[in-house]
Amino acid sequence: MHGGTRCGTLPRRVRTLIPWIPPQLLDFPDVSEALDDPNGLLCAGGDLSPERLKLAYSRGIFPWFSEGEPILWWSPDPRLVLEPAAFKLRRSLKQSIKKQGFEIRTNQRFRDIMCLCSSTRQDREGTWISKEMIDAYVALHEEGVAVSFETYLNGNLVGGLYGVRIGRVLFGESMVSLVPDASKAALASLCQEADRHQIELIDCQVPTSHLQSLGASLITRETFIERIGELML
């Protein structure tokens, strides 16, 4: 979960055969079968139906692919996670949030947040958040599963983040800022009010220095699967 992209660019070459999932099969291989290179690539195929997406996240799997390519499913090892209590609200960030007077809202403009995440990256280096992905996650949002935390300045949407919430886990997908610290403000609010939102763990998926500087840490995939299993009971 980072600025409209998970870790910059998708790996372009897969030199090992991976399982193909037909659309009619609502299942995934065990995550232990994921490749080491590229890290976490598990399988391809299937679809982006709400049922499949919910199953994927509940097993520690997420989709990540470029437009025009087959759907690719990933479960990297290690996994980057953020415990809300571990969030580092540094003095400079706290002052910036206070100075700018951000307002944080929840689930008011979910599609718009996804479109912002897509367009801001597409302008620079392409994006994996295609129209197909947006439509799929909006369908999840309509079921109350996908959620957004939005940052407003003077009534205008200027950033935020979105993800998939199952049980007490928020599987973070992407963040976006149109003004400095807008996405960090949304994340800070989420962590500060985690008890109210009943969120105990935020999945950040793959390592980024940005999120690690805010308190996210790496755990093994095995530990991650155990944690989300406990938090989804």
C-alpha atoms as a PDB file:
ATOM      1  CA  MET A   1       0.000   0.000   0.000  1.00  0.00           C
ATOM      2  CA  HIS A   2       1.877   3.023  -1.193  1.00  0.00           C
ATOM      3  CA  GLY A   3       1.116   6.036  -3.351  1.00  0.00           C
ATOM      4  CA  GLY A   4      -0.919   4.337  -6.061  1.00  0.00           C
ATOM      5  CA  THR A   5       1.481   1.447  -6.508  1.00  0.00           C
ATOM      6  CA  ARG A   6       2.686  -1.391  -4.361  1.00  0.00           C
ATOM      7  CA  CYS A   7       6.392  -1.308  -5.065  1.00  0.00           C
ATOM      8  CA  GLY A   8       7.029   0.767  -8.160  1.00  0.00           C
ATOM      9  CA  THR A   9       6.604  -1.545 -11.132  1.00  0.00           C
ATOM     10  CA  LEU A  10       5.324  -5.028 -11.733  1.00  0.00           C
ATOM     11  CA  PRO A  11       7.871  -7.756 -12.480  1.00  0.00           C
ATOM     12  CA  ARG A  12       7.685  -8.238 -16.233  1.00  0.00           C
ATOM     13  CA  ARG A  13       9.006 -11.751 -16.721  1.00  0.00           C
ATOM     14  CA  VAL A  14       7.909 -14.970 -15.105  1.00  0.00           C
ATOM     15  CA  ARG A  15      10.266 -17.800 -15.990  1.00  0.00           C
ATOM     16  CA  THR A  16       8.489 -20.512 -14.008  1.00  0.00           C
ATOM     17  CA  LEU A  17       5.106 -21.972 -14.860  1.00  0.00           C
ATOM     18  CA  ILE A  18       2.389 -21.104 -12.357  1.00  0.00           C
ATOM     19  CA  PRO A  19      -1.074 -22.615 -11.885  1.00  0.00           C
ATOM     20  CA  TRP A  20      -3.924 -21.264 -13.996  1.00  0.00           C
ATOM     21  CA  ILE A  21      -7.260 -20.824 -12.194  1.00  0.00           C
ATOM     22  CA  PRO A  22     -10.355 -21.189 -14.412  1.00  0.00           C
ATOM     23  CA  PRO A  23     -13.125 -18.663 -13.672  1.00  0.00           C
ATOM     24  CA  GLN A  24     -15.516 -21.393 -12.542  1.00  0.00           C
ATOM     25  CA  LEU A  25     -13.110 -22.650  -9.845  1.00  0.00           C
ATOM     26  CA  LEU A  26     -13.453 -20.600  -6.662  1.00  0.00           C
ATOM     27  CA  ASP A  27     -10.196 -21.648  -5.024  1.00  0.00           C
ATOM     28  CA  PHE A  28      -6.468 -20.881  -4.825  1.00  0.00           C
ATOM     29  CA  PRO A  29      -3.303 -22.934  -4.388  1.00  0.00           C
ATOM     30  CA  ASP A  30      -1.776 -22.939  -0.918  1.00  0.00           C
ATOM     31  CA  VAL A  31       0.316 -19.808  -0.382  1.00  0.00           C
ATOM     32  CA  SER A  32       3.340 -21.987   0.393  1.00  0.00           C
ATOM     33  CA  GLU A  33       3.467 -22.688  -3.358  1.00  0.00           C
ATOM     34  CA  ALA A  34       4.151 -19.028  -4.219  1.00  0.00           C
ATOM     35  CA  LEU A  35       7.356 -18.296  -6.122  1.00  0.00           C
ATOM     36  CA  ASP A  36      10.469 -16.814  -4.578  1.00  0.00           C
ATOM     37  CA  ASP A  37      11.201 -14.911  -7.809  1.00  0.00           C
ATOM     38  CA  PRO A  38       9.186 -12.875  -8.426  1.00  0.00           C
ATOM     39  CA  ASN A  39       8.490 -12.883  -4.726  1.00  0.00           C
ATOM     40  CA  GLY A  40       5.011 -14.109  -3.893  1.00  0.00           C
ATOM     41  CA  LEU A  41       3.580 -14.839  -7.338  1.00  0.00           C
ATOM     42  CA  LEU A  42       1.113 -17.658  -6.711  1.00  0.00           C
ATOM     43  CA  CYS A  43      -1.139 -18.189  -9.726  1.00  0.00           C
ATOM     44  CA  ALA A  44      -2.986 -16.544 -12.608  1.00  0.00           C
ATOM     45  CA  GLY A  45      -6.526 -16.477 -13.924  1.00  0.00           C
ATOM     46  CA  GLY A  46      -9.856 -16.522 -12.152  1.00  0.00           C
ATOM     47  CA  ASP A  47     -11.846 -13.308 -11.975  1.00  0.00           C
ATOM     48  CA  LEU A  48     -12.377 -10.272  -9.749  1.00  0.00           C
ATOM     49  CA  SER A  49     -15.781 -11.236  -8.388  1.00  0.00           C
ATOM     50  CA  PRO A  50     -16.542 -10.164  -4.807  1.00  0.00           C
ATOM     51  CA  GLU A  51     -16.585 -13.808  -3.727  1.00  0.00           C
ATOM     52  CA  ARG A  52     -13.116 -14.498  -5.128  1.00  0.00           C
ATOM     53  CA  LEU A  53     -11.630 -11.275  -3.777  1.00  0.00           C
ATOM     54  CA  LYS A  54     -12.947 -11.969  -0.273  1.00  0.00           C
ATOM     55  CA  LEU A  55     -11.597 -15.515  -0.422  1.00  0.00           C
ATOM     56  CA  ALA A  56      -8.221 -14.259  -1.638  1.00  0.00           C
ATOM     57  CA  TYR A  57      -7.760 -11.677   1.111  1.00  0.00           C
ATOM     58  CA  SER A  58      -8.896 -14.119   3.786  1.00  0.00           C
ATOM     59  CA  ARG A  59      -6.027 -16.384   2.683  1.00  0.00           C
ATOM     60  CA  GLY A  60      -3.417 -13.629   2.484  1.00  0.00           C
ATOM     61  CA  ILE A  61      -3.574 -13.294  -1.318  1.00  0.00           C
ATOM     62  CA  PHE A  62      -4.148 -10.182  -3.434  1.00  0.00           C
ATOM     63  CA  PRO A  63      -4.441  -9.411  -7.177  1.00  0.00           C
ATOM     64  CA  TRP A  64      -1.786  -7.335  -8.937  1.00  0.00           C
ATOM     65  CA  PHE A  65      -1.486  -7.111 -12.695  1.00  0.00           C
ATOM     66  CA  SER A  66      -1.227  -4.578 -15.490  1.00  0.00           C
ATOM     67  CA  GLU A  67      -4.127  -3.714 -17.764  1.00  0.00           C
ATOM     68  CA  GLY A  68      -4.397  -6.117 -20.677  1.00  0.00           C
ATOM     69  CA  GLU A  69      -2.570  -8.903 -18.828  1.00  0.00           C
ATOM     70  CA  PRO A  70      -4.013 -11.983 -17.088  1.00  0.00           C
ATOM     71  CA  ILE A  71      -5.029 -11.542 -13.456  1.00  0.00           C
ATOM     72  CA  LEU A  72      -2.029 -12.395 -11.284  1.00  0.00           C
ATOM     73  CA  TRP A  73      -2.385 -13.371  -7.616  1.00  0.00           C
ATOM     74  CA  TRP A  74       0.332 -12.756  -5.016  1.00  0.00           C
ATOM     75  CA  SER A  75       1.275 -13.679  -1.451  1.00  0.00           C
ATOM     76  CA  PRO A  76       4.784 -12.321  -0.761  1.00  0.00           C
ATOM     77  CA  ASP A  77       7.154 -13.407   1.978  1.00  0.00           C
ATOM     78  CA  PRO A  78       7.954 -11.471   4.117  1.00  0.00           C
ATOM     79  CA  ARG A  79       4.860  -9.311   4.531  1.00  0.00           C
ATOM     80  CA  LEU A  80       4.773  -5.667   5.581  1.00  0.00           C
ATOM     81  CA  VAL A  81       2.220  -4.915   8.305  1.00  0.00           C
ATOM     82  CA  LEU A  82       1.373  -1.991  10.545  1.00  0.00           C
ATOM     83  CA  GLU A  83       0.055  -2.350  14.067  1.00  0.00           C
ATOM     84  CA  PRO A  84      -2.053   0.791  14.665  1.00  0.00           C
ATOM     85  CA  ALA A  85      -0.366   1.390  18.029  1.00  0.00           C
ATOM     86  CA  ALA A  86       3.044   1.302  16.313  1.00  0.00           C
ATOM     87  CA  PHE A  87       2.237   4.195  13.960  1.00  0.00           C
ATOM     88  CA  LYS A  88       4.884   6.910  14.299  1.00  0.00           C
ATOM     89  CA  LEU A  89       3.217  10.309  14.377  1.00  0.00           C
ATOM     90  CA  ARG A  90       6.371  12.375  14.271  1.00  0.00           C
ATOM     91  CA  ARG A  91       6.306  15.945  15.502  1.00  0.00           C
ATOM     92  CA  SER A  92       6.781  17.389  12.014  1.00  0.00           C
ATOM     93  CA  LEU A  93       3.878  15.351  10.629  1.00  0.00           C
ATOM     94  CA  LYS A  94       1.656  16.267  13.565  1.00  0.00           C
ATOM     95  CA  GLN A  95       2.410  19.953  13.015  1.00  0.00           C
ATOM     96  CA  SER A  96       1.770  19.666   9.274  1.00  0.00           C
ATOM     97  CA  ILE A  97      -1.601  17.986   9.797  1.00  0.00           C
ATOM     98  CA  LYS A  98      -2.615  20.615  12.333  1.00  0.00           C
ATOM     99  CA  LYS A  99      -1.405  23.512  10.181  1.00  0.00           C
ATOM    100  CA  GLN A 100      -3.229  22.394   7.054  1.00  0.00           C
ATOM    101  CA  GLY A 101      -6.477  21.723   8.888  1.00  0.00           C
ATOM    102  CA  PHE A 102      -7.335  18.447   7.193  1.00  0.00           C
ATOM    103  CA  GLU A 103     -10.720  16.821   7.697  1.00  0.00           C
ATOM    104  CA  ILE A 104     -10.901  13.016   7.551  1.00  0.00           C
ATOM    105  CA  ARG A 105     -14.056  11.269   6.375  1.00  0.00           C
ATOM    106  CA  THR A 106     -14.824   7.604   5.832  1.00  0.00           C
ATOM    107  CA  ASN A 107     -16.512   5.926   2.857  1.00  0.00           C
ATOM    108  CA  GLN A 108     -17.912   9.093   1.303  1.00  0.00           C
ATOM    109  CA  ARG A 109     -16.171   8.953  -2.097  1.00  0.00           C
ATOM    110  CA  PHE A 110     -14.718   5.484  -2.466  1.00  0.00           C
ATOM    111  CA  ARG A 111     -14.623   5.388  -6.272  1.00  0.00           C
ATOM    112  CA  ASP A 112     -13.048   8.843  -6.388  1.00  0.00           C
ATOM    113  CA  ILE A 113     -10.228   7.737  -4.087  1.00  0.00           C
ATOM    114  CA  MET A 114      -9.496   4.769  -6.345  1.00  0.00           C
ATOM    115  CA  CYS A 115      -9.567   6.983  -9.428  1.00  0.00           C
ATOM    116  CA  LEU A 116      -7.157   9.433  -7.791  1.00  0.00           C
ATOM    117  CA  CYS A 117      -4.789   6.591  -6.901  1.00  0.00           C
ATOM    118  CA  SER A 118      -4.946   5.420 -10.499  1.00  0.00           C
ATOM    119  CA  SER A 119      -4.595   8.768 -12.266  1.00  0.00           C
ATOM    120  CA  THR A 120      -1.761  10.193 -10.182  1.00  0.00           C
ATOM    121  CA  ARG A 121       0.437   7.177 -10.935  1.00  0.00           C
ATOM    122  CA  GLN A 122      -0.660   6.826 -14.554  1.00  0.00           C
ATOM    123  CA  ASP A 123       0.541  10.349 -15.265  1.00  0.00           C
ATOM    124  CA  ARG A 124       4.067   9.329 -14.241  1.00  0.00           C
ATOM    125  CA  GLU A 125       4.735   5.621 -14.726  1.00  0.00           C
ATOM    126  CA  GLY A 126       1.572   3.660 -15.383  1.00  0.00           C
ATOM    127  CA  THR A 127      -0.810   2.034 -12.950  1.00  0.00           C
ATOM    128  CA  TRP A 128      -2.200  -1.363 -12.036  1.00  0.00           C
ATOM    129  CA  ILE A 129      -5.489   0.234 -10.892  1.00  0.00           C
ATOM    130  CA  SER A 130      -7.436  -0.291 -14.109  1.00  0.00           C
ATOM    131  CA  LYS A 131     -11.138   0.320 -14.719  1.00  0.00           C
ATOM    132  CA  GLU A 132     -11.646  -3.418 -14.189  1.00  0.00           C
ATOM    133  CA  MET A 133     -10.020  -3.164 -10.761  1.00  0.00           C
ATOM    134  CA  ILE A 134     -11.976  -0.039  -9.847  1.00  0.00           C
ATOM    135  CA  ASP A 135     -15.303  -1.643 -10.769  1.00  0.00           C
ATOM    136  CA  ALA A 136     -14.409  -4.794  -8.809  1.00  0.00           C
ATOM    137  CA  TYR A 137     -13.510  -2.925  -5.625  1.00  0.00           C
ATOM    138  CA  VAL A 138     -16.503  -0.610  -5.900  1.00  0.00           C
ATOM    139  CA  ALA A 139     -18.636  -3.774  -5.911  1.00  0.00           C
ATOM    140  CA  LEU A 140     -16.842  -4.837  -2.721  1.00  0.00           C
ATOM    141  CA  HIS A 141     -17.434  -1.381  -1.273  1.00  0.00           C
ATOM    142  CA  GLU A 142     -21.146  -1.697  -1.970  1.00  0.00           C
ATOM    143  CA  GLU A 143     -21.075  -4.880   0.128  1.00  0.00           C
ATOM    144  CA  GLY A 144     -19.404  -2.958   2.955  1.00  0.00           C
ATOM    145  CA  VAL A 145     -16.119  -4.854   2.579  1.00  0.00           C
ATOM    146  CA  ALA A 146     -13.907  -2.315   0.774  1.00  0.00           C
ATOM    147  CA  VAL A 147     -13.459   0.956   2.669  1.00  0.00           C
ATOM    148  CA  SER A 148     -11.880   4.360   2.164  1.00  0.00           C
ATOM    149  CA  PHE A 149     -10.398   6.946   4.495  1.00  0.00           C
ATOM    150  CA  GLU A 150     -10.485  10.322   2.776  1.00  0.00           C
ATOM    151  CA  THR A 151      -8.660  13.582   3.436  1.00  0.00           C
ATOM    152  CA  TYR A 152     -10.357  16.898   2.687  1.00  0.00           C
ATOM    153  CA  LEU A 153      -8.957  20.421   2.629  1.00  0.00           C
ATOM    154  CA  ASN A 154     -11.418  23.304   2.460  1.00  0.00           C
ATOM    155  CA  GLY A 155     -14.082  20.785   1.467  1.00  0.00           C
ATOM    156  CA  ASN A 156     -12.055  19.355  -1.420  1.00  0.00           C
ATOM    157  CA  LEU A 157     -10.852  15.757  -1.631  1.00  0.00           C
ATOM    158  CA  VAL A 158      -7.047  15.912  -1.582  1.00  0.00           C
ATOM    159  CA  GLY A 159      -5.978  12.375  -0.694  1.00  0.00           C
ATOM    160  CA  GLY A 160      -6.566   9.290   1.365  1.00  0.00           C
ATOM    161  CA  LEU A 161      -6.346   5.531   1.185  1.00  0.00           C
ATOM    162  CA  TYR A 162      -8.516   2.506   0.532  1.00  0.00           C
ATOM    163  CA  GLY A 163      -8.452  -1.177   1.314  1.00  0.00           C
ATOM    164  CA  VAL A 164     -10.417  -4.313   2.092  1.00  0.00           C
ATOM    165  CA  ARG A 165     -11.624  -4.933   5.610  1.00  0.00           C
ATOM    166  CA  ILE A 166     -12.329  -8.472   6.778  1.00  0.00           C
ATOM    167  CA  GLY A 167     -12.770  -9.074  10.478  1.00  0.00           C
ATOM    168  CA  ARG A 168     -10.289  -6.892  12.359  1.00  0.00           C
ATOM    169  CA  VAL A 169      -7.816  -6.670   9.479  1.00  0.00           C
ATOM    170  CA  LEU A 170      -7.561  -3.849   6.960  1.00  0.00           C
ATOM    171  CA  PHE A 171      -5.819  -5.081   3.833  1.00  0.00           C
ATOM    172  CA  GLY A 172      -4.438  -1.791   2.550  1.00  0.00           C
ATOM    173  CA  GLU A 173      -4.396  -1.326  -1.203  1.00  0.00           C
ATOM    174  CA  SER A 174      -3.231   2.167  -2.107  1.00  0.00           C
ATOM    175  CA  MET A 175      -2.659   5.708  -0.840  1.00  0.00           C
ATOM    176  CA  VAL A 176      -2.726   9.045  -2.648  1.00  0.00           C
ATOM    177  CA  SER A 177      -1.865  12.671  -1.884  1.00  0.00           C
ATOM    178  CA  LEU A 178      -2.661  15.735  -3.968  1.00  0.00           C
ATOM    179  CA  VAL A 179      -1.132  17.976  -1.298  1.00  0.00           C
ATOM    180  CA  PRO A 180       1.712  17.174   1.123  1.00  0.00           C
ATOM    181  CA  ASP A 181       0.864  14.705   3.916  1.00  0.00           C
ATOM    182  CA  ALA A 182      -2.755  14.141   2.841  1.00  0.00           C
ATOM    183  CA  SER A 183      -2.440  10.349   2.724  1.00  0.00           C
ATOM    184  CA  LYS A 184      -0.398  10.302   5.933  1.00  0.00           C
ATOM    185  CA  ALA A 185      -3.161  12.292   7.629  1.00  0.00           C
ATOM    186  CA  ALA A 186      -5.703   9.637   6.622  1.00  0.00           C
ATOM    187  CA  LEU A 187      -3.445   6.844   7.867  1.00  0.00           C
ATOM    188  CA  ALA A 188      -2.763   8.693  11.125  1.00  0.00           C
ATOM    189  CA  SER A 189      -6.490   9.141  11.712  1.00  0.00           C
ATOM    190  CA  LEU A 190      -7.134   5.473  10.959  1.00  0.00           C
ATOM    191  CA  CYS A 191      -4.476   4.364  13.447  1.00  0.00           C
ATOM    192  CA  GLN A 192      -5.587   6.802  16.141  1.00  0.00           C
ATOM    193  CA  GLU A 193      -9.186   5.620  15.842  1.00  0.00           C
ATOM    194  CA  ALA A 194      -8.408   1.955  15.198  1.00  0.00           C
ATOM    195  CA  ASP A 195     -10.373   0.829  18.248  1.00  0.00           C
ATOM    196  CA  ARG A 196     -13.494   2.604  17.012  1.00  0.00           C
ATOM    197  CA  HIS A 197     -13.024   1.098  13.562  1.00  0.00           C
ATOM    198  CA  GLN A 198     -12.290  -2.308  15.169  1.00  0.00           C
ATOM    199  CA  ILE A 199      -9.051  -2.695  13.216  1.00  0.00           C
ATOM    200  CA  GLU A 200      -6.101  -4.413  14.891  1.00  0.00           C
ATOM    201  CA  LEU A 201      -3.785  -4.989  11.929  1.00  0.00           C
ATOM    202  CA  ILE A 202      -3.124  -3.148   8.667  1.00  0.00           C
ATOM    203  CA  ASP A 203      -1.657  -5.201   5.835  1.00  0.00           C
ATOM    204  CA  CYS A 204       0.756  -3.086   3.779  1.00  0.00           C
ATOM    205  CA  GLN A 205       1.641  -6.028   1.512  1.00  0.00           C
ATOM    206  CA  VAL A 206       5.189  -5.354   0.280  1.00  0.00           C
ATOM    207  CA  PRO A 207       8.141  -3.463   1.803  1.00  0.00           C
ATOM    208  CA  THR A 208       8.368   0.288   1.226  1.00  0.00           C
ATOM    209  CA  SER A 209      10.693   2.656   3.066  1.00  0.00           C
ATOM    210  CA  HIS A 210       7.835   5.171   3.238  1.00  0.00           C
ATOM    211  CA  LEU A 211       5.579   2.930   5.328  1.00  0.00           C
ATOM    212  CA  GLN A 212       8.431   1.469   7.342  1.00  0.00           C
ATOM    213  CA  SER A 213       9.351   5.006   8.394  1.00  0.00           C
ATOM    214  CA  LEU A 214       5.797   5.328   9.743  1.00  0.00           C
ATOM    215  CA  GLY A 215       6.086   2.210  11.896  1.00  0.00           C
ATOM    216  CA  ALA A 216       5.296  -0.700   9.572  1.00  0.00           C
ATOM    217  CA  SER A 217       7.400  -3.837  10.034  1.00  0.00           C
ATOM    218  CA  LEU A 218       8.109  -7.093   8.232  1.00  0.00           C
ATOM    219  CA  ILE A 219       6.832 -10.469   9.394  1.00  0.00           C
ATOM    220  CA  THR A 220       7.038 -13.873   7.751  1.00  0.00           C
ATOM    221  CA  ARG A 221       4.199 -15.007   5.530  1.00  0.00           C
ATOM    222  CA  GLU A 222       3.536 -17.885   7.916  1.00  0.00           C
ATOM    223  CA  THR A 223       3.137 -15.490  10.843  1.00  0.00           C
ATOM    224  CA  PHE A 224       0.959 -13.207   8.735  1.00  0.00           C
ATOM    225  CA  ILE A 225      -1.399 -16.040   7.786  1.00  0.00           C
ATOM    226  CA  GLU A 226      -1.669 -17.034  11.449  1.00  0.00           C
ATOM    227  CA  ARG A 227      -2.402 -13.446  12.523  1.00  0.00           C
ATOM    228  CA  ILE A 228      -5.128 -12.783   9.997  1.00  0.00           C
ATOM    229  CA  GLY A 229      -6.679 -16.152  10.782  1.00  0.00           C
ATOM    230  CA  GLU A 230      -6.979 -15.131  14.428  1.00  0.00           C
ATOM    231  CA  LEU A 231      -8.304 -11.659  13.606  1.00  0.00           C
ATOM    232  CA  MET A 232     -10.964 -12.878  11.200  1.00  0.00           C
ATOM    233  CA  LEU A 233     -12.623 -15.232  13.692  1.00  0.00           C
END
